[in-house]
C-alpha atoms as a PDB file:
ATOM      1  CA  MET A   1       2.841  13.356   7.743  1.00  0.00           C
ATOM      2  CA  LYS A   2       1.925  16.075   5.850  1.00  0.00           C
ATOM      3  CA  ASN A   3      -0.981  18.019   5.955  1.00  0.00           C
ATOM      4  CA  VAL A   4      -2.358  17.967   2.192  1.00  0.00           C
ATOM      5  CA  LEU A   5      -5.382  20.447   2.780  1.00  0.00           C
ATOM      6  CA  ALA A   6      -3.213  23.407   4.444  1.00  0.00           C
ATOM      7  CA  ASP A   7      -0.690  22.912   1.838  1.00  0.00           C
ATOM      8  CA  GLN A   8      -3.011  23.336  -1.136  1.00  0.00           C
ATOM      9  CA  PRO A   9      -3.549  26.629  -2.850  1.00  0.00           C
ATOM     10  CA  ILE A  10      -6.995  27.933  -3.230  1.00  0.00           C
ATOM     11  CA  ARG A  11      -8.763  26.736  -6.386  1.00  0.00           C
ATOM     12  CA  THR A  12     -11.721  27.449  -7.925  1.00  0.00           C
ATOM     13  CA  GLN A  13     -13.545  24.336  -9.654  1.00  0.00           C
ATOM     14  CA  ALA A  14     -13.261  24.240 -13.121  1.00  0.00           C
ATOM     15  CA  SER A  15     -16.656  23.091 -15.306  1.00  0.00           C
ATOM     16  CA  THR A  16     -15.206  20.059 -16.446  1.00  0.00           C
ATOM     17  CA  ASP A  17     -13.966  18.567 -12.986  1.00  0.00           C
ATOM     18  CA  ARG A  18     -16.963  18.540 -11.917  1.00  0.00           C
ATOM     19  CA  LYS A  19     -16.668  15.282  -9.435  1.00  0.00           C
ATOM     20  CA  ILE A  20     -12.764  16.592  -7.801  1.00  0.00           C
ATOM     21  CA  GLN A  21     -13.973  19.269  -5.057  1.00  0.00           C
ATOM     22  CA  THR A  22     -10.277  20.306  -3.874  1.00  0.00           C
ATOM     23  CA  ASP A  23     -11.871  22.790  -1.511  1.00  0.00           C
ATOM     24  CA  SER A  24     -15.233  22.524   0.478  1.00  0.00           C
ATOM     25  CA  LEU A  25     -16.617  24.811   2.929  1.00  0.00           C
ATOM     26  CA  VAL A  26     -17.798  24.378   5.796  1.00  0.00           C
ATOM     27  CA  THR A  27     -19.715  25.998   8.324  1.00  0.00           C
ATOM     28  CA  ASP A  28     -18.645  25.798  12.377  1.00  0.00           C
ATOM     29  CA  GLU A  29     -21.696  25.425  14.542  1.00  0.00           C
ATOM     30  CA  GLN A  30     -20.297  26.869  17.323  1.00  0.00           C
ATOM     31  CA  CYS A  31     -18.753  29.988  16.097  1.00  0.00           C
ATOM     32  CA  PRO A  32     -21.577  30.686  13.955  1.00  0.00           C
ATOM     33  CA  GLY A  33     -20.601  33.084  10.663  1.00  0.00           C
ATOM     34  CA  GLN A  34     -16.972  31.948  10.286  1.00  0.00           C
ATOM     35  CA  THR A  35     -16.228  29.132   7.479  1.00  0.00           C
ATOM     36  CA  ILE A  36     -13.815  26.277   8.420  1.00  0.00           C
ATOM     37  CA  LYS A  37     -11.712  24.789   4.906  1.00  0.00           C
ATOM     38  CA  GLY A  38     -11.458  21.421   5.040  1.00  0.00           C
ATOM     39  CA  LEU A  39     -12.850  18.458   2.958  1.00  0.00           C
ATOM     40  CA  LYS A  40     -15.913  16.724   4.425  1.00  0.00           C
ATOM     41  CA  ILE A  41     -16.903  13.170   4.429  1.00  0.00           C
ATOM     42  CA  GLU A  42     -19.204  10.159   5.318  1.00  0.00           C
ATOM     43  CA  ASN A  43     -16.896   8.269   7.786  1.00  0.00           C
ATOM     44  CA  MET A  44     -14.432   7.351   5.155  1.00  0.00           C
ATOM     45  CA  LEU A  45     -12.066   8.955   3.105  1.00  0.00           C
ATOM     46  CA  TYR A  46      -9.580   8.118   0.544  1.00  0.00           C
ATOM     47  CA  CYS A  47      -5.749   8.803   0.299  1.00  0.00           C
ATOM     48  CA  LEU A  48      -4.162   8.600  -2.955  1.00  0.00           C
ATOM     49  CA  ASP A  49      -0.136   8.357  -2.307  1.00  0.00           C
ATOM     50  CA  THR A  50       1.957   8.918  -5.811  1.00  0.00           C
ATOM     51  CA  GLY A  51       4.906   7.475  -4.221  1.00  0.00           C
ATOM     52  CA  LYS A  52       6.246  12.008  -4.323  1.00  0.00           C
ATOM     53  CA  GLU A  53       2.560  13.594  -3.140  1.00  0.00           C
ATOM     54  CA  LYS A  54      -0.134  12.813  -1.241  1.00  0.00           C
ATOM     55  CA  TYR A  55      -3.999  13.467  -2.284  1.00  0.00           C
ATOM     56  CA  LEU A  56      -7.109  13.505   0.296  1.00  0.00           C
ATOM     57  CA  PHE A  57     -10.452  12.464  -1.379  1.00  0.00           C
ATOM     58  CA  ALA A  58     -14.172  12.041  -0.205  1.00  0.00           C
ATOM     59  CA  SER A  59     -14.582   8.623  -2.703  1.00  0.00           C
ATOM     60  CA  GLU A  60     -12.663   6.089  -4.095  1.00  0.00           C
ATOM     61  CA  ASP A  61     -13.866   7.300  -7.642  1.00  0.00           C
ATOM     62  CA  ASP A  62     -12.147  11.251  -7.520  1.00  0.00           C
ATOM     63  CA  ALA A  63      -9.172   9.539  -6.086  1.00  0.00           C
ATOM     64  CA  ILE A  64      -8.816   7.178  -9.168  1.00  0.00           C
ATOM     65  CA  ASP A  65      -9.895  10.032 -11.724  1.00  0.00           C
ATOM     66  CA  GLN A  66      -6.842  12.046 -10.190  1.00  0.00           C
ATOM     67  CA  LEU A  67      -4.547   8.880 -10.838  1.00  0.00           C
ATOM     68  CA  ARG A  68      -5.728   9.050 -14.397  1.00  0.00           C
ATOM     69  CA  LYS A  69      -5.258  13.019 -14.728  1.00  0.00           C
ATOM     70  CA  LEU A  70      -1.234  13.425 -12.827  1.00  0.00           C
ATOM     71  CA  ASP A  71       1.516  13.355 -14.738  1.00  0.00           C
ATOM     72  CA  LYS A  72       3.083  10.018 -15.444  1.00  0.00           C
ATOM     73  CA  LYS A  73       6.478  11.489 -14.578  1.00  0.00           C
ATOM     74  CA  THR A  74       5.051  13.087 -11.120  1.00  0.00           C
ATOM     75  CA  ILE A  75       3.852   8.775 -10.283  1.00  0.00           C
ATOM     76  CA  ASN A  76       6.189   6.432  -8.744  1.00  0.00           C
ATOM     77  CA  PRO A  77       5.472   2.813  -9.937  1.00  0.00           C
ATOM     78  CA  ASP A  78       7.007   1.374  -6.827  1.00  0.00           C
ATOM     79  CA  ASN A  79       5.668   2.859  -4.432  1.00  0.00           C
ATOM     80  CA  SER A  80       2.110   4.478  -5.431  1.00  0.00           C
ATOM     81  CA  GLN A  81      -1.366   3.333  -4.010  1.00  0.00           C
ATOM     82  CA  ILE A  82      -4.699   4.276  -2.843  1.00  0.00           C
ATOM     83  CA  VAL A  83      -5.632   3.691   0.775  1.00  0.00           C
ATOM     84  CA  GLN A  84      -9.493   3.918   1.834  1.00  0.00           C
ATOM     85  CA  VAL A  85      -9.261   5.329   5.574  1.00  0.00           C
ATOM     86  CA  THR A  86     -12.442   4.289   7.125  1.00  0.00           C
ATOM     87  CA  THR A  87     -12.845   6.734  10.495  1.00  0.00           C
ATOM     88  CA  THR A  88     -15.986   4.966  12.036  1.00  0.00           C
ATOM     89  CA  GLY A  89     -15.592   5.287  16.209  1.00  0.00           C
ATOM     90  CA  ASN A  90     -12.382   5.622  17.768  1.00  0.00           C
ATOM     91  CA  THR A  91     -10.419   3.014  15.411  1.00  0.00           C
ATOM     92  CA  TRP A  92      -9.385   3.837  12.204  1.00  0.00           C
ATOM     93  CA  LYS A  93      -8.961   1.051   9.481  1.00  0.00           C
ATOM     94  CA  LEU A  94      -6.327   1.779   6.872  1.00  0.00           C
ATOM     95  CA  THR A  95      -7.274  -0.645   3.264  1.00  0.00           C
ATOM     96  CA  GLN A  96      -5.150  -0.603   0.298  1.00  0.00           C
ATOM     97  CA  ILE A  97      -7.643  -0.329  -2.810  1.00  0.00           C
ATOM     98  CA  PRO A  98      -5.922  -3.202  -4.840  1.00  0.00           C
ATOM     99  CA  TRP A  99      -4.374  -2.617  -8.001  1.00  0.00           C
ATOM    100  CA  SER A 100      -6.281  -5.004 -10.181  1.00  0.00           C
ATOM    101  CA  HIS A 101      -9.292  -3.058  -8.655  1.00  0.00           C
ATOM    102  CA  ILE A 102      -8.004   0.432  -9.725  1.00  0.00           C
ATOM    103  CA  ALA A 103      -6.859  -0.933 -13.097  1.00  0.00           C
ATOM    104  CA  VAL A 104     -10.640  -1.959 -14.219  1.00  0.00           C
ATOM    105  CA  LYS A 105     -11.496   1.478 -13.278  1.00  0.00           C
ATOM    106  CA  LEU A 106      -8.916   3.386 -15.060  1.00  0.00           C
ATOM    107  CA  LEU A 107      -9.806   1.480 -18.631  1.00  0.00           C
END
């Protein structure tokens, strides 16, 4: 799987884009003063797969908002999906978000 966080350009957060946070800076407690580029999550993350590109988000609403903002030409309707990744313990669980649920949130 492609490392989408490392391949993303550094972006500043626009004032109209309050919910989407493309880069989070996390301080490494073992190495004070160093900063690690990454996405901080709470045992769950969401992967938006447009069929051509993949994006990671800390919340379902952020993934759906990004889907709404994407150019329709960059989305392959046959292969698009949002997957919830639960990272509790040593076992990671992948669950596809139903399109009926996504459609209601897009309205």
